[in-house]
């Protein structure tokens, strides 16, 4: 990890950076959070890998 920041005053939105091209913004709150031009849903994260974005949300996983 090359950088870490709390992005919200309640510390529930966090950014972790790994090297030059990989960054994760995680929203542990129960509200949406606007980061740059993206909206991060509650309890979700976005992985920024160079020019690629991957959204992860446990809400999208279905139980079998």
N, C-alpha and C. Protein backbone atom coordinates (compact mmCIF):
# COMPACT_ATOMS: atom_id res chain seq x y z
N UNK A 1 0.86 -1.17 0.00
CA UNK A 1 0.00 0.00 0.00
C UNK A 1 0.90 1.23 0.00
N UNK A 2 0.63 2.11 -0.95
CA UNK A 2 1.46 3.31 -1.07
C UNK A 2 0.78 4.57 -0.57
N UNK A 3 -0.54 4.50 -0.32
CA UNK A 3 -1.26 5.66 0.21
C UNK A 3 -2.59 5.18 0.80
N UNK A 4 -3.07 5.91 1.79
CA UNK A 4 -4.36 5.63 2.41
C UNK A 4 -4.93 6.94 2.90
N UNK A 5 -6.24 7.14 2.66
CA UNK A 5 -6.91 8.37 3.13
C UNK A 5 -8.33 8.06 3.54
N UNK A 6 -8.79 8.73 4.58
CA UNK A 6 -10.21 8.77 4.90
C UNK A 6 -10.81 9.88 4.05
N UNK A 7 -11.84 9.58 3.29
CA UNK A 7 -12.43 10.58 2.40
C UNK A 7 -13.65 11.26 3.00
N UNK A 8 -14.23 10.67 4.04
CA UNK A 8 -15.40 11.27 4.70
C UNK A 8 -15.04 11.55 6.16
N UNK A 9 -15.72 12.52 6.72
CA UNK A 9 -15.42 12.92 8.10
C UNK A 9 -15.72 11.82 9.11
N UNK A 10 -16.66 10.92 8.80
CA UNK A 10 -16.97 9.81 9.70
C UNK A 10 -16.05 8.61 9.49
N UNK A 11 -15.11 8.73 8.55
CA UNK A 11 -14.09 7.73 8.25
C UNK A 11 -14.64 6.44 7.64
N UNK A 12 -15.87 6.49 7.15
CA UNK A 12 -16.49 5.29 6.57
C UNK A 12 -16.25 5.16 5.06
N UNK A 13 -15.71 6.21 4.45
CA UNK A 13 -15.32 6.14 3.04
C UNK A 13 -13.81 6.30 3.01
N UNK A 14 -13.15 5.31 2.40
CA UNK A 14 -11.69 5.24 2.47
C UNK A 14 -11.11 4.95 1.09
N UNK A 15 -9.90 5.48 0.87
CA UNK A 15 -9.18 5.24 -0.37
C UNK A 15 -7.84 4.60 -0.02
N UNK A 16 -7.55 3.49 -0.68
CA UNK A 16 -6.25 2.83 -0.56
C UNK A 16 -5.62 2.78 -1.94
N UNK A 17 -4.35 3.12 -2.01
CA UNK A 17 -3.64 3.12 -3.29
C UNK A 17 -2.49 2.12 -3.21
N UNK A 18 -2.30 1.41 -4.33
CA UNK A 18 -1.27 0.40 -4.42
C UNK A 18 -0.45 0.68 -5.67
N UNK A 19 0.71 1.27 -5.51
CA UNK A 19 1.54 1.63 -6.67
C UNK A 19 0.94 2.79 -7.44
N UNK A 20 1.31 2.86 -8.71
CA UNK A 20 0.90 3.98 -9.55
C UNK A 20 -0.50 3.84 -10.14
N UNK A 21 -0.93 2.60 -10.40
CA UNK A 21 -2.12 2.42 -11.23
C UNK A 21 -3.31 1.75 -10.55
N UNK A 22 -3.17 1.33 -9.31
CA UNK A 22 -4.25 0.59 -8.65
C UNK A 22 -4.72 1.34 -7.41
N UNK A 23 -6.03 1.61 -7.37
CA UNK A 23 -6.63 2.36 -6.27
C UNK A 23 -7.99 1.75 -5.96
N UNK A 24 -8.33 1.67 -4.67
CA UNK A 24 -9.62 1.16 -4.24
C UNK A 24 -10.29 2.23 -3.38
N UNK A 25 -11.54 2.55 -3.71
CA UNK A 25 -12.33 3.46 -2.88
C UNK A 25 -13.49 2.66 -2.33
N UNK A 26 -13.52 2.52 -1.00
CA UNK A 26 -14.53 1.71 -0.33
C UNK A 26 -15.48 2.59 0.47
N UNK A 27 -16.76 2.30 0.33
CA UNK A 27 -17.79 3.04 1.05
C UNK A 27 -18.46 2.09 2.04
N UNK A 28 -18.11 2.21 3.32
CA UNK A 28 -18.67 1.36 4.37
C UNK A 28 -19.91 1.98 5.01
N UNK A 29 -20.32 3.13 4.51
CA UNK A 29 -21.47 3.82 5.09
C UNK A 29 -22.78 3.29 4.51
N UNK A 30 -23.89 3.79 5.03
CA UNK A 30 -25.20 3.38 4.52
C UNK A 30 -25.78 4.39 3.54
N UNK A 31 -24.92 5.30 3.03
CA UNK A 31 -25.34 6.31 2.06
C UNK A 31 -24.43 6.27 0.85
N UNK A 32 -24.94 6.71 -0.29
CA UNK A 32 -24.10 6.84 -1.48
C UNK A 32 -23.04 7.91 -1.25
N UNK A 33 -21.92 7.78 -1.95
CA UNK A 33 -20.84 8.75 -1.84
C UNK A 33 -20.35 9.10 -3.25
N UNK A 34 -20.22 10.39 -3.53
CA UNK A 34 -19.71 10.83 -4.83
C UNK A 34 -18.20 10.98 -4.75
N UNK A 35 -17.52 10.25 -5.63
CA UNK A 35 -16.06 10.33 -5.72
C UNK A 35 -15.71 10.64 -7.17
N UNK A 36 -15.09 11.76 -7.40
CA UNK A 36 -14.82 12.24 -8.76
C UNK A 36 -16.13 12.20 -9.55
N UNK A 37 -16.20 11.45 -10.62
CA UNK A 37 -17.42 11.39 -11.42
C UNK A 37 -18.23 10.13 -11.16
N UNK A 38 -17.90 9.41 -10.10
CA UNK A 38 -18.57 8.15 -9.79
C UNK A 38 -19.40 8.27 -8.53
N UNK A 39 -20.48 7.52 -8.50
CA UNK A 39 -21.29 7.37 -7.29
C UNK A 39 -21.02 5.98 -6.75
N UNK A 40 -20.54 5.91 -5.52
CA UNK A 40 -20.26 4.63 -4.90
C UNK A 40 -21.43 4.32 -3.97
N UNK A 41 -22.13 3.24 -4.25
CA UNK A 41 -23.28 2.85 -3.43
C UNK A 41 -22.84 2.50 -2.02
N UNK A 42 -23.78 2.52 -1.11
CA UNK A 42 -23.48 2.15 0.28
C UNK A 42 -22.92 0.74 0.32
N UNK A 43 -21.98 0.51 1.22
CA UNK A 43 -21.37 -0.80 1.44
C UNK A 43 -20.85 -1.43 0.15
N UNK A 44 -20.21 -0.60 -0.68
CA UNK A 44 -19.66 -1.05 -1.95
C UNK A 44 -18.29 -0.44 -2.15
N UNK A 45 -17.63 -0.85 -3.22
CA UNK A 45 -16.34 -0.27 -3.54
C UNK A 45 -16.13 -0.24 -5.05
N UNK A 46 -15.20 0.61 -5.46
CA UNK A 46 -14.77 0.66 -6.85
C UNK A 46 -13.26 0.45 -6.87
N UNK A 47 -12.83 -0.46 -7.73
CA UNK A 47 -11.41 -0.70 -7.95
C UNK A 47 -11.04 0.02 -9.25
N UNK A 48 -10.08 0.92 -9.16
CA UNK A 48 -9.58 1.65 -10.31
C UNK A 48 -8.23 1.04 -10.68
N UNK A 49 -8.15 0.40 -11.85
CA UNK A 49 -6.92 -0.25 -12.30
C UNK A 49 -6.58 0.33 -13.67
N UNK A 50 -5.68 1.28 -13.67
CA UNK A 50 -5.36 2.08 -14.87
C UNK A 50 -6.64 2.71 -15.39
N UNK A 51 -7.08 2.32 -16.58
CA UNK A 51 -8.29 2.91 -17.17
C UNK A 51 -9.52 2.04 -16.95
N UNK A 52 -9.40 0.98 -16.19
CA UNK A 52 -10.50 0.05 -15.96
C UNK A 52 -11.09 0.27 -14.57
N UNK A 53 -12.43 0.23 -14.49
CA UNK A 53 -13.12 0.35 -13.20
C UNK A 53 -13.92 -0.93 -12.96
N UNK A 54 -13.81 -1.46 -11.75
CA UNK A 54 -14.59 -2.62 -11.36
C UNK A 54 -15.37 -2.26 -10.11
N UNK A 55 -16.68 -2.44 -10.16
CA UNK A 55 -17.55 -2.15 -9.01
C UNK A 55 -17.85 -3.45 -8.30
N UNK A 56 -17.68 -3.45 -6.99
CA UNK A 56 -18.05 -4.60 -6.17
C UNK A 56 -19.08 -4.16 -5.16
N UNK A 57 -20.17 -4.89 -5.09
CA UNK A 57 -21.21 -4.62 -4.11
C UNK A 57 -21.76 -5.96 -3.62
N UNK A 58 -21.73 -6.20 -2.32
CA UNK A 58 -22.29 -7.46 -1.82
C UNK A 58 -23.80 -7.56 -2.08
N UNK A 59 -24.45 -6.44 -2.35
CA UNK A 59 -25.87 -6.44 -2.68
C UNK A 59 -26.14 -7.17 -3.99
N UNK A 60 -25.12 -7.21 -4.87
CA UNK A 60 -25.30 -7.82 -6.18
C UNK A 60 -25.10 -9.33 -6.17
N UNK A 61 -24.59 -9.88 -5.07
CA UNK A 61 -24.36 -11.31 -4.98
C UNK A 61 -25.65 -12.00 -4.52
N UNK A 62 -26.03 -13.00 -5.24
CA UNK A 62 -27.27 -13.71 -4.90
C UNK A 62 -26.93 -15.00 -4.17
N UNK A 63 -27.68 -15.31 -3.15
CA UNK A 63 -27.48 -16.56 -2.41
C UNK A 63 -28.09 -17.71 -3.19
N UNK A 64 -27.38 -18.82 -3.24
CA UNK A 64 -27.88 -20.02 -3.94
C UNK A 64 -28.65 -20.90 -2.98
